[in-house]
């Protein structure tokens, strides 16, 4: 598995790549602009030389053309290296005079209406020339007065050796300057990136020191840059949630051990008593029956702990039950718990408004039976003598159905409402133990409801007294 590039290296590479692009665009543009300006200056000089050279052409009275070179102009053509060259053409294309060792392209020796710039080579030396239409000066007139002279074409060219050297110097300078800038900026980017990422490295060091026994540590958000403060706050909130989860799990483990300790102690003492007493078939059978009840209580508690301990995602499957089947589940629960209600002088009433034709809910018989049993048992256990339990099944809208369990008892104590669905949450501890409650029924019911995408909530009873639990179930059809 290849090692991924670090964030600092990515930032540096990104910075260098962006800088290369910008410098490349700038250098290319500058180079092209400079080269164009040099060529333009060179062409301007050629045009000035050609115009000046045209004043050296004289037209005699007989129409003949002659070229009279001055000392200054002669020096340009007699240099052995990098000399200028020229040619003078009459209107008919005939060459009047020239200083050319090698003929340029044949089209140079033509009459032109407008000036043209051409590049060519003489003995491997690069030249650039101009074809410049002008007029010859008449004999007897002042130089430069060419209004009445013959139409001629001046070809004047100079070597581009110095021009090419200047362009190469500019190119070399840009390459050296660009490379130096990139090198220096890369070093600067390394230092800047290291400084910019220092808060992240500090956060990493702090996070690396946090473990299960130091979840109370937090990042100092005010010391972070403004861009990292939301990240620091999110980490602190995450740590707070983790700390709360660990605290709840520790309490759960302690409470589970506490709940298991009593029945295990009773089971142990019963076994010890049976071992030290003389054998008696009747007494031993009664003792075994009592021990079996203790074992069943432990098994029920362990099963409840397993259900509460499972994550909601463990039931991520397409469970479903029809409206008719859930009504049957409700009736079975009512039949099984009616004797318990009657023993305290109470009763259980069922009212359903759910249309059974084609209605499907997202839950199953086992979950529905366990949730409803827990809710009704709680109502009977805490509702007091003469408690009346009402079960209502209805569709709240096109997406949800509601199963409501309501009683007319004393209701939920205010101090218990905030932790009603927590594991081992109890109101009257002595009464709960006397009636066999473990404090896990509502926690199990909510866990099962959430696992199927539904919700289990506690609401105020319509009459003001009593408890009211609403199980909202997802409708599939």
Protein backbone atom coordinates (compact mmCIF):
# COMPACT_ATOMS: atom_id res chain seq x y z
CA UNK A 1 0.00 0.00 0.00
CA UNK A 2 1.58 3.25 -1.11
CA UNK A 3 2.12 6.02 1.36
CA UNK A 4 -0.12 9.01 0.78
CA UNK A 5 1.46 12.41 0.26
CA UNK A 6 1.36 14.65 3.33
CA UNK A 7 -0.83 17.74 3.41
CA UNK A 8 2.17 20.07 3.63
CA UNK A 9 3.77 18.42 0.58
CA UNK A 10 0.51 18.76 -1.33
CA UNK A 11 0.24 22.44 -0.45
CA UNK A 12 3.84 23.08 -1.50
CA UNK A 13 3.38 21.18 -4.76
CA UNK A 14 0.16 23.05 -5.45
CA UNK A 15 1.83 26.38 -4.71
CA UNK A 16 4.83 25.57 -6.92
CA UNK A 17 2.59 24.33 -9.75
CA UNK A 18 0.50 27.52 -9.59
CA UNK A 19 3.65 29.62 -9.48
CA UNK A 20 5.17 27.76 -12.43
CA UNK A 21 2.02 28.43 -14.39
CA UNK A 22 1.95 32.13 -13.51
CA UNK A 23 5.69 32.63 -14.09
CA UNK A 24 5.48 30.66 -17.35
CA UNK A 25 2.61 32.79 -18.62
CA UNK A 26 4.26 36.03 -17.48
CA UNK A 27 7.70 35.09 -18.83
CA UNK A 28 6.30 33.93 -22.17
CA UNK A 29 4.22 37.07 -22.52
CA UNK A 30 7.14 39.30 -21.52
CA UNK A 31 9.51 37.49 -23.86
CA UNK A 32 7.14 37.74 -26.81
CA UNK A 33 6.44 41.41 -26.05
CA UNK A 34 10.16 42.21 -25.73
CA UNK A 35 11.00 40.34 -28.93
CA UNK A 36 8.24 42.15 -30.77
CA UNK A 37 9.46 45.51 -29.50
CA UNK A 38 13.05 44.72 -30.54
CA UNK A 39 11.90 43.62 -33.99
CA UNK A 40 9.80 46.75 -34.26
CA UNK A 41 12.76 48.94 -33.27
CA UNK A 42 14.94 47.08 -35.75
CA UNK A 43 12.36 47.59 -38.51
CA UNK A 44 12.07 51.26 -37.62
CA UNK A 45 15.85 51.61 -37.97
CA UNK A 46 15.77 49.78 -41.31
CA UNK A 47 13.08 52.12 -42.57
CA UNK A 48 15.09 55.16 -41.45
CA UNK A 49 18.24 53.81 -43.16
CA UNK A 50 16.30 53.05 -46.34
CA UNK A 51 14.75 56.50 -46.37
CA UNK A 52 18.14 58.11 -45.80
CA UNK A 53 19.69 55.90 -48.49
CA UNK A 54 17.05 57.02 -51.03
CA UNK A 55 18.48 60.55 -50.81
CA UNK A 56 21.72 59.19 -52.27
CA UNK A 57 20.02 58.17 -55.52
CA UNK A 58 20.24 60.81 -58.29
CA UNK A 59 18.31 60.93 -61.54
CA UNK A 60 20.09 62.64 -64.40
CA UNK A 61 18.44 64.71 -67.14
CA UNK A 62 18.66 61.75 -69.44
CA UNK A 63 16.74 59.59 -66.88
CA UNK A 64 19.74 57.62 -65.74
CA UNK A 65 19.97 56.72 -62.05
CA UNK A 66 23.17 56.84 -60.04
CA UNK A 67 23.99 56.11 -56.39
CA UNK A 68 26.47 58.38 -54.64
CA UNK A 69 27.67 56.92 -51.35
CA UNK A 70 28.83 59.19 -48.58
CA UNK A 71 31.61 58.38 -46.16
CA UNK A 72 29.13 57.54 -43.41
CA UNK A 73 27.05 55.22 -45.58
CA UNK A 74 30.11 53.58 -47.09
CA UNK A 75 31.29 52.47 -43.65
CA UNK A 76 28.17 50.35 -43.28
CA UNK A 77 28.91 48.30 -46.38
CA UNK A 78 32.66 47.82 -46.23
CA UNK A 79 32.82 46.15 -42.82
CA UNK A 80 34.01 42.62 -43.28
CA UNK A 81 31.59 41.23 -40.70
CA UNK A 82 27.95 42.07 -40.05
CA UNK A 83 27.85 44.57 -42.92
CA UNK A 84 24.66 46.13 -44.25
CA UNK A 85 23.56 45.38 -47.81
CA UNK A 86 21.51 47.37 -50.27
CA UNK A 87 20.09 47.34 -53.78
CA UNK A 88 18.35 50.00 -55.88
CA UNK A 89 15.73 49.02 -58.46
CA UNK A 90 14.18 51.16 -61.13
CA UNK A 91 10.48 51.21 -61.80
CA UNK A 92 10.89 48.57 -64.48
CA UNK A 93 12.60 46.24 -62.01
CA UNK A 94 16.12 46.80 -63.39
CA UNK A 95 18.81 46.89 -60.75
CA UNK A 96 20.59 50.22 -60.62
CA UNK A 97 23.21 49.44 -58.01
CA UNK A 98 23.69 46.95 -55.20
CA UNK A 99 26.00 45.71 -52.49
CA UNK A 100 25.01 42.04 -52.47
CA UNK A 101 27.32 39.05 -52.66
CA UNK A 102 24.39 36.67 -52.80
CA UNK A 103 21.13 37.41 -54.45
CA UNK A 104 18.11 37.51 -52.16
CA UNK A 105 14.96 35.75 -53.25
CA UNK A 106 13.90 36.62 -56.82
CA UNK A 107 10.80 38.48 -55.62
CA UNK A 108 13.02 41.10 -54.08
CA UNK A 109 13.89 42.41 -57.49
CA UNK A 110 10.38 43.59 -58.21
CA UNK A 111 8.67 46.89 -58.02
CA UNK A 112 6.45 47.28 -54.92
CA UNK A 113 3.83 49.89 -54.00
CA UNK A 114 4.22 49.39 -50.24
CA UNK A 115 7.19 48.66 -48.07
CA UNK A 116 7.78 45.07 -47.08
CA UNK A 117 10.05 43.48 -44.52
CA UNK A 118 11.77 40.23 -45.40
CA UNK A 119 14.21 37.87 -43.67
CA UNK A 120 16.92 35.99 -45.56
CA UNK A 121 20.39 34.50 -45.14
CA UNK A 122 23.78 35.39 -46.62
CA UNK A 123 26.64 32.94 -46.06
CA UNK A 124 24.83 31.52 -43.02
CA UNK A 125 24.31 34.99 -41.54
CA UNK A 126 20.72 35.99 -40.88
CA UNK A 127 19.53 39.29 -42.29
CA UNK A 128 16.35 41.28 -42.27
CA UNK A 129 15.62 43.78 -44.99
CA UNK A 130 13.05 46.26 -46.24
CA UNK A 131 11.75 46.95 -49.76
CA UNK A 132 11.08 50.65 -49.59
CA UNK A 133 9.31 52.47 -52.48
CA UNK A 134 10.62 56.01 -52.92
CA UNK A 135 11.64 58.65 -55.50
CA UNK A 136 15.07 59.52 -56.82
CA UNK A 137 16.33 63.07 -56.34
CA UNK A 138 16.66 65.05 -59.57
CA UNK A 139 20.04 66.49 -60.42
CA UNK A 140 20.35 70.09 -59.42
CA UNK A 141 17.74 69.84 -56.70
CA UNK A 142 18.35 69.71 -52.99
CA UNK A 143 18.58 66.23 -51.47
CA UNK A 144 15.29 65.11 -50.13
CA UNK A 145 13.20 66.91 -52.73
CA UNK A 146 11.90 63.86 -54.56
CA UNK A 147 8.43 64.97 -55.58
CA UNK A 148 9.38 65.04 -59.28
CA UNK A 149 11.93 62.26 -59.29
CA UNK A 150 11.63 58.79 -60.75
CA UNK A 151 9.90 56.04 -58.79
CA UNK A 152 12.45 53.62 -57.36
CA UNK A 153 12.54 50.77 -54.83
CA UNK A 154 15.23 50.70 -52.19
CA UNK A 155 16.22 47.35 -50.75
CA UNK A 156 18.08 47.83 -47.49
CA UNK A 157 19.02 45.04 -45.07
CA UNK A 158 21.00 44.66 -41.86
CA UNK A 159 22.21 41.62 -40.00
CA UNK A 160 20.09 40.42 -37.08
CA UNK A 161 23.15 39.14 -35.21
CA UNK A 162 22.96 41.77 -32.48
CA UNK A 163 19.18 41.49 -32.38
CA UNK A 164 19.37 37.73 -31.93
CA UNK A 165 21.98 38.16 -29.20
CA UNK A 166 19.70 40.58 -27.36
CA UNK A 167 16.77 38.17 -27.64
CA UNK A 168 18.92 35.28 -26.38
CA UNK A 169 20.11 37.46 -23.47
CA UNK A 170 16.51 38.24 -22.55
CA UNK A 171 15.58 34.56 -22.78
CA UNK A 172 18.54 33.51 -20.65
CA UNK A 173 17.78 36.23 -18.09
CA UNK A 174 14.15 35.12 -17.80
CA UNK A 175 15.14 31.47 -17.37
CA UNK A 176 17.67 32.32 -14.64
CA UNK A 177 15.36 34.82 -12.93
CA UNK A 178 12.38 32.45 -13.14
CA UNK A 179 14.38 29.53 -11.75
CA UNK A 180 15.70 31.68 -8.91
CA UNK A 181 12.23 32.95 -8.08
CA UNK A 182 10.82 29.42 -8.08
CA UNK A 183 13.63 28.14 -5.85
CA UNK A 184 13.28 30.98 -3.36
CA UNK A 185 9.49 30.84 -3.37
CA UNK A 186 9.58 27.05 -2.83
CA UNK A 187 11.75 27.54 0.24
CA UNK A 188 9.43 30.31 1.39
CA UNK A 189 6.39 28.10 0.74
CA UNK A 190 7.94 25.33 2.83
CA UNK A 191 8.43 27.68 5.77
CA UNK A 192 5.03 29.33 5.38
CA UNK A 193 3.25 25.97 5.05
CA UNK A 194 4.99 24.64 8.12
CA UNK A 195 3.94 27.71 10.08
CA UNK A 196 0.38 27.67 8.75
CA UNK A 197 -0.06 23.96 9.56
CA UNK A 198 1.46 24.28 13.03
CA UNK A 199 -1.98 24.64 14.70
CA UNK A 200 -3.07 21.40 13.01
CA UNK A 201 0.08 19.64 14.22
CA UNK A 202 -0.58 20.98 17.72
CA UNK A 203 -4.16 19.68 17.55
CA UNK A 204 -2.82 16.31 16.40
CA UNK A 205 -0.42 16.16 19.35
CA UNK A 206 -3.21 17.02 21.78
CA UNK A 207 -5.57 14.49 20.19
CA UNK A 208 -2.87 11.81 20.34
CA UNK A 209 -2.67 12.20 24.12
CA UNK A 210 -6.41 11.69 24.65
CA UNK A 211 -7.48 8.23 25.72
CA UNK A 212 -10.30 6.58 27.65
CA UNK A 213 -9.09 8.05 30.97
CA UNK A 214 -8.46 11.58 29.68
CA UNK A 215 -11.60 12.34 27.67
CA UNK A 216 -12.08 15.48 29.76
CA UNK A 217 -9.30 17.23 27.85
CA UNK A 218 -10.36 19.92 25.39
CA UNK A 219 -8.80 22.10 22.69
CA UNK A 220 -8.28 25.77 23.54
CA UNK A 221 -10.42 27.18 20.72
CA UNK A 222 -9.45 30.83 21.30
CA UNK A 223 -5.81 30.05 20.50
CA UNK A 224 -6.67 28.57 17.12
CA UNK A 225 -6.87 30.59 13.88
CA UNK A 226 -10.38 31.66 12.98
CA UNK A 227 -10.53 29.10 10.15
CA UNK A 228 -9.73 26.24 12.55
CA UNK A 229 -11.99 27.35 15.40
CA UNK A 230 -15.06 25.53 13.98
CA UNK A 231 -12.92 22.38 13.73
CA UNK A 232 -11.76 22.83 17.32
CA UNK A 233 -15.34 23.33 18.51
CA UNK A 234 -16.47 20.22 16.60
CA UNK A 235 -13.66 18.18 18.20
CA UNK A 236 -14.60 19.47 21.65
CA UNK A 237 -18.25 18.56 21.07
CA UNK A 238 -17.17 15.12 19.84
CA UNK A 239 -15.03 14.62 22.93
CA UNK A 240 -17.94 15.70 25.11
CA UNK A 241 -20.20 13.16 23.44
CA UNK A 242 -17.56 10.45 23.77
CA UNK A 243 -17.03 11.31 27.42
CA UNK A 244 -20.78 11.12 28.00
CA UNK A 245 -20.98 7.79 26.19
CA UNK A 246 -18.11 6.35 28.21
CA UNK A 247 -19.69 7.60 31.42
CA UNK A 248 -23.01 6.00 30.47
CA UNK A 249 -21.28 2.72 29.63
CA UNK A 250 -19.42 2.76 32.94
CA UNK A 251 -22.67 3.40 34.79
CA UNK A 252 -24.36 0.71 32.75
CA UNK A 253 -21.65 -1.81 33.61
CA UNK A 254 -21.80 -0.90 37.28
CA UNK A 255 -25.60 -1.01 37.36
CA UNK A 256 -25.70 -4.29 35.43
CA UNK A 257 -23.24 -5.82 37.89
CA UNK A 258 -25.33 -4.45 40.76
CA UNK A 259 -28.53 -5.91 39.29
CA UNK A 260 -26.92 -9.30 38.72
CA UNK A 261 -25.29 -9.39 42.13
CA UNK A 262 -28.53 -9.81 44.09
CA UNK A 263 -30.02 -12.77 42.16
CA UNK A 264 -26.59 -14.42 41.94
CA UNK A 265 -26.16 -14.02 45.70
CA UNK A 266 -29.61 -15.47 46.31
CA UNK A 267 -28.82 -18.35 43.94
CA UNK A 268 -25.50 -18.99 45.66
CA UNK A 269 -27.00 -18.96 49.16
CA UNK A 270 -29.79 -21.33 48.06
CA UNK A 271 -27.31 -23.78 46.61
CA UNK A 272 -25.18 -23.60 49.75
CA UNK A 273 -28.21 -24.18 51.96
CA UNK A 274 -29.24 -27.16 49.87
CA UNK A 275 -25.75 -28.65 50.15
CA UNK A 276 -25.49 -28.39 53.94
CA UNK A 277 -28.98 -29.72 54.77
CA UNK A 278 -29.74 -33.42 54.83
CA UNK A 279 -31.34 -34.77 51.66
CA UNK A 280 -35.12 -34.56 51.55
CA UNK A 281 -37.00 -35.11 48.31
CA UNK A 282 -39.87 -32.71 48.99
CA UNK A 283 -37.70 -29.96 50.46
CA UNK A 284 -35.08 -30.39 47.76
CA UNK A 285 -37.74 -30.05 45.06
CA UNK A 286 -39.04 -26.84 46.60
CA UNK A 287 -35.48 -25.50 46.83
CA UNK A 288 -34.81 -26.37 43.19
CA UNK A 289 -38.03 -24.61 42.17
CA UNK A 290 -36.92 -21.45 43.97
CA UNK A 291 -33.47 -21.71 42.40
CA UNK A 292 -35.06 -22.11 38.96
CA UNK A 293 -37.01 -18.90 39.48
CA UNK A 294 -33.78 -17.09 40.36
CA UNK A 295 -32.08 -18.52 37.26
CA UNK A 296 -35.01 -17.39 35.08
CA UNK A 297 -34.75 -13.91 36.55
CA UNK A 298 -31.03 -13.81 35.75
CA UNK A 299 -31.71 -15.11 32.21
CA UNK A 300 -34.39 -12.44 31.68
CA UNK A 301 -32.03 -9.73 32.91
CA UNK A 302 -29.20 -10.97 30.67
CA UNK A 303 -31.51 -11.05 27.64
CA UNK A 304 -32.64 -7.51 28.40
CA UNK A 305 -29.04 -6.35 28.72
CA UNK A 306 -28.22 -7.87 25.34
CA UNK A 307 -31.14 -6.11 23.65
CA UNK A 308 -30.28 -2.72 25.18
CA UNK A 309 -26.59 -3.15 24.35
CA UNK A 310 -27.19 -3.77 20.63
CA UNK A 311 -26.78 -0.76 18.31
CA UNK A 312 -29.85 0.38 16.40
CA UNK A 313 -28.20 -0.54 13.09
CA UNK A 314 -28.19 -4.23 14.08
CA UNK A 315 -31.82 -4.46 12.91
CA UNK A 316 -31.23 -2.68 9.60
CA UNK A 317 -33.48 -5.02 7.60
CA UNK A 318 -36.82 -4.74 5.89
CA UNK A 319 -39.03 -5.94 8.76
CA UNK A 320 -42.78 -5.53 8.29
CA UNK A 321 -46.13 -6.57 9.67
CA UNK A 322 -49.66 -6.11 8.36
CA UNK A 323 -52.29 -4.10 10.21
CA UNK A 324 -54.33 -7.27 10.89
CA UNK A 325 -51.30 -9.01 12.42
CA UNK A 326 -50.40 -6.13 14.72
CA UNK A 327 -54.00 -6.01 15.94
CA UNK A 328 -53.68 -9.70 16.75
CA UNK A 329 -50.45 -8.99 18.63
CA UNK A 330 -52.24 -6.30 20.65
CA UNK A 331 -55.07 -8.71 21.54
CA UNK A 332 -52.62 -11.45 22.60
CA UNK A 333 -50.77 -9.02 24.88
CA UNK A 334 -54.09 -7.85 26.36
CA UNK A 335 -55.18 -11.45 27.00
CA UNK A 336 -51.90 -12.30 28.73
CA UNK A 337 -51.82 -9.15 30.92
CA UNK A 338 -55.52 -8.79 31.75
CA UNK A 339 -55.24 -11.08 34.79
CA UNK A 340 -52.48 -8.85 36.19
CA UNK A 341 -54.69 -5.79 35.73
CA UNK A 342 -57.67 -7.51 37.30
CA UNK A 343 -55.62 -8.45 40.38
CA UNK A 344 -55.26 -4.73 41.17
CA UNK A 345 -58.87 -3.98 40.25
CA UNK A 346 -58.00 -2.53 36.86
CA UNK A 347 -58.81 -3.19 33.22
CA UNK A 348 -57.35 -2.88 29.70
CA UNK A 349 -59.31 -1.37 26.82
CA UNK A 350 -58.39 -1.54 23.13
CA UNK A 351 -59.45 0.90 20.41
CA UNK A 352 -58.22 0.64 16.81
CA UNK A 353 -58.80 3.10 13.97
CA UNK A 354 -56.27 1.54 11.60
CA UNK A 355 -57.72 0.37 8.29
CA UNK A 356 -56.40 -3.13 7.79
CA UNK A 357 -56.73 -3.33 3.99
CA UNK A 358 -53.23 -3.28 2.49
CA UNK A 359 -51.67 -1.40 5.42
CA UNK A 360 -48.13 -2.56 6.24
CA UNK A 361 -45.99 -1.28 9.12
CA UNK A 362 -42.24 -1.44 9.54
CA UNK A 363 -41.82 -3.72 12.56
CA UNK A 364 -42.29 -7.40 13.38
CA UNK A 365 -44.39 -9.45 15.79
CA UNK A 366 -41.60 -10.00 18.30
CA UNK A 367 -40.71 -6.28 18.54
CA UNK A 368 -44.35 -5.20 18.66
CA UNK A 369 -45.16 -7.77 21.37
CA UNK A 370 -42.12 -6.84 23.50
CA UNK A 371 -42.69 -3.06 23.22
CA UNK A 372 -46.41 -3.30 23.96
CA UNK A 373 -45.86 -5.74 26.84
CA UNK A 374 -43.30 -3.43 28.47
CA UNK A 375 -45.58 -0.41 28.17
CA UNK A 376 -48.69 -2.19 29.51
CA UNK A 377 -46.75 -3.87 32.34
CA UNK A 378 -45.38 -0.49 33.41
CA UNK A 379 -48.88 0.99 33.36
CA UNK A 380 -50.22 -1.84 35.56
CA UNK A 381 -47.16 -1.83 37.87
CA UNK A 382 -47.11 1.90 38.53
CA UNK A 383 -50.74 2.85 37.84
CA UNK A 384 -51.95 1.76 41.25
CA UNK A 385 -55.17 0.04 42.31
CA UNK A 386 -58.05 0.32 39.86
CA UNK A 387 -55.77 1.42 37.01
CA UNK A 388 -57.41 1.69 33.61
CA UNK A 389 -55.09 1.10 30.66
CA UNK A 390 -56.09 2.30 27.19
CA UNK A 391 -54.46 1.02 23.98
CA UNK A 392 -55.13 2.96 20.76
CA UNK A 393 -53.90 2.03 17.29
CA UNK A 394 -54.37 4.62 14.54
CA UNK A 395 -52.78 6.22 11.48
CA UNK A 396 -51.41 9.69 12.31
CA UNK A 397 -50.71 10.58 8.66
CA UNK A 398 -49.77 8.91 5.37
CA UNK A 399 -46.29 8.11 6.65
CA UNK A 400 -46.77 6.97 10.26
CA UNK A 401 -49.06 4.96 12.49
CA UNK A 402 -49.34 5.45 16.25
CA UNK A 403 -49.76 2.88 19.02
CA UNK A 404 -50.70 4.77 22.20
CA UNK A 405 -50.65 3.26 25.70
CA UNK A 406 -52.26 5.52 28.31
CA UNK A 407 -53.28 5.03 31.94
CA UNK A 408 -55.01 7.04 34.66
CA UNK A 409 -52.40 6.46 37.32
CA UNK A 410 -50.26 9.02 39.16
CA UNK A 411 -48.05 9.57 36.09
CA UNK A 412 -44.28 9.93 35.78
CA UNK A 413 -42.47 11.69 38.65
CA UNK A 414 -40.91 14.98 37.46
CA UNK A 415 -37.45 13.93 38.63
CA UNK A 416 -37.66 10.83 36.39
CA UNK A 417 -38.93 12.44 33.17
CA UNK A 418 -35.48 13.53 31.91
CA UNK A 419 -33.99 10.03 32.22
CA UNK A 420 -37.12 8.02 31.57
CA UNK A 421 -35.64 5.97 28.73
CA UNK A 422 -32.21 5.50 30.29
CA UNK A 423 -31.11 2.03 31.34
CA UNK A 424 -31.94 1.15 34.97
CA UNK A 425 -33.96 4.34 35.38
CA UNK A 426 -36.40 3.86 38.28
CA UNK A 427 -38.71 5.99 40.35
CA UNK A 428 -39.50 4.02 43.50
CA UNK A 429 -36.57 1.59 43.94
CA UNK A 430 -38.18 -0.50 46.68
CA UNK A 431 -41.44 -0.85 44.81
CA UNK A 432 -39.66 -1.73 41.58
CA UNK A 433 -37.72 -4.55 43.20
CA UNK A 434 -40.83 -5.81 44.95
CA UNK A 435 -42.68 -6.06 41.63
CA UNK A 436 -39.73 -7.56 39.78
CA UNK A 437 -38.81 -4.56 37.60
CA UNK A 438 -35.29 -4.14 36.28
CA UNK A 439 -35.48 -0.59 34.95
CA UNK A 440 -34.76 -1.81 31.42
CA UNK A 441 -38.25 -2.09 29.93
CA UNK A 442 -38.53 1.43 28.47
CA UNK A 443 -34.87 1.39 27.33
CA UNK A 444 -35.53 -1.88 25.48
CA UNK A 445 -38.74 -0.54 23.96
CA UNK A 446 -37.09 2.63 22.66
CA UNK A 447 -34.12 0.67 21.27
CA UNK A 448 -36.46 -1.64 19.34
CA UNK A 449 -38.57 1.27 18.07
CA UNK A 450 -35.49 3.17 16.84
CA UNK A 451 -34.09 0.04 15.20
CA UNK A 452 -37.17 -0.12 12.95
CA UNK A 453 -36.99 3.59 12.08
CA UNK A 454 -39.76 4.59 14.48
CA UNK A 455 -39.88 6.58 17.74
CA UNK A 456 -41.11 6.03 21.29
CA UNK A 457 -41.95 9.18 23.23
CA UNK A 458 -43.62 10.13 26.49
CA UNK A 459 -46.34 12.76 26.43
CA UNK A 460 -48.62 14.36 28.96
CA UNK A 461 -51.87 12.44 29.39
CA UNK A 462 -54.98 14.02 27.92
CA UNK A 463 -56.69 14.24 31.31
CA UNK A 464 -53.64 15.67 33.02
CA UNK A 465 -53.00 12.58 35.20
CA UNK A 466 -51.42 9.29 34.24
CA UNK A 467 -48.72 8.32 31.78
CA UNK A 468 -49.05 8.39 28.00
CA UNK A 469 -46.54 6.64 25.72
CA UNK A 470 -46.76 7.00 21.93
CA UNK A 471 -44.99 4.55 19.63
CA UNK A 472 -44.80 6.02 16.13
CA UNK A 473 -44.32 3.29 13.51
CA UNK A 474 -43.26 3.83 9.89
CA UNK A 475 -45.97 2.97 7.35
CA UNK A 476 -44.66 1.02 4.35
CA UNK A 477 -47.98 0.89 2.49
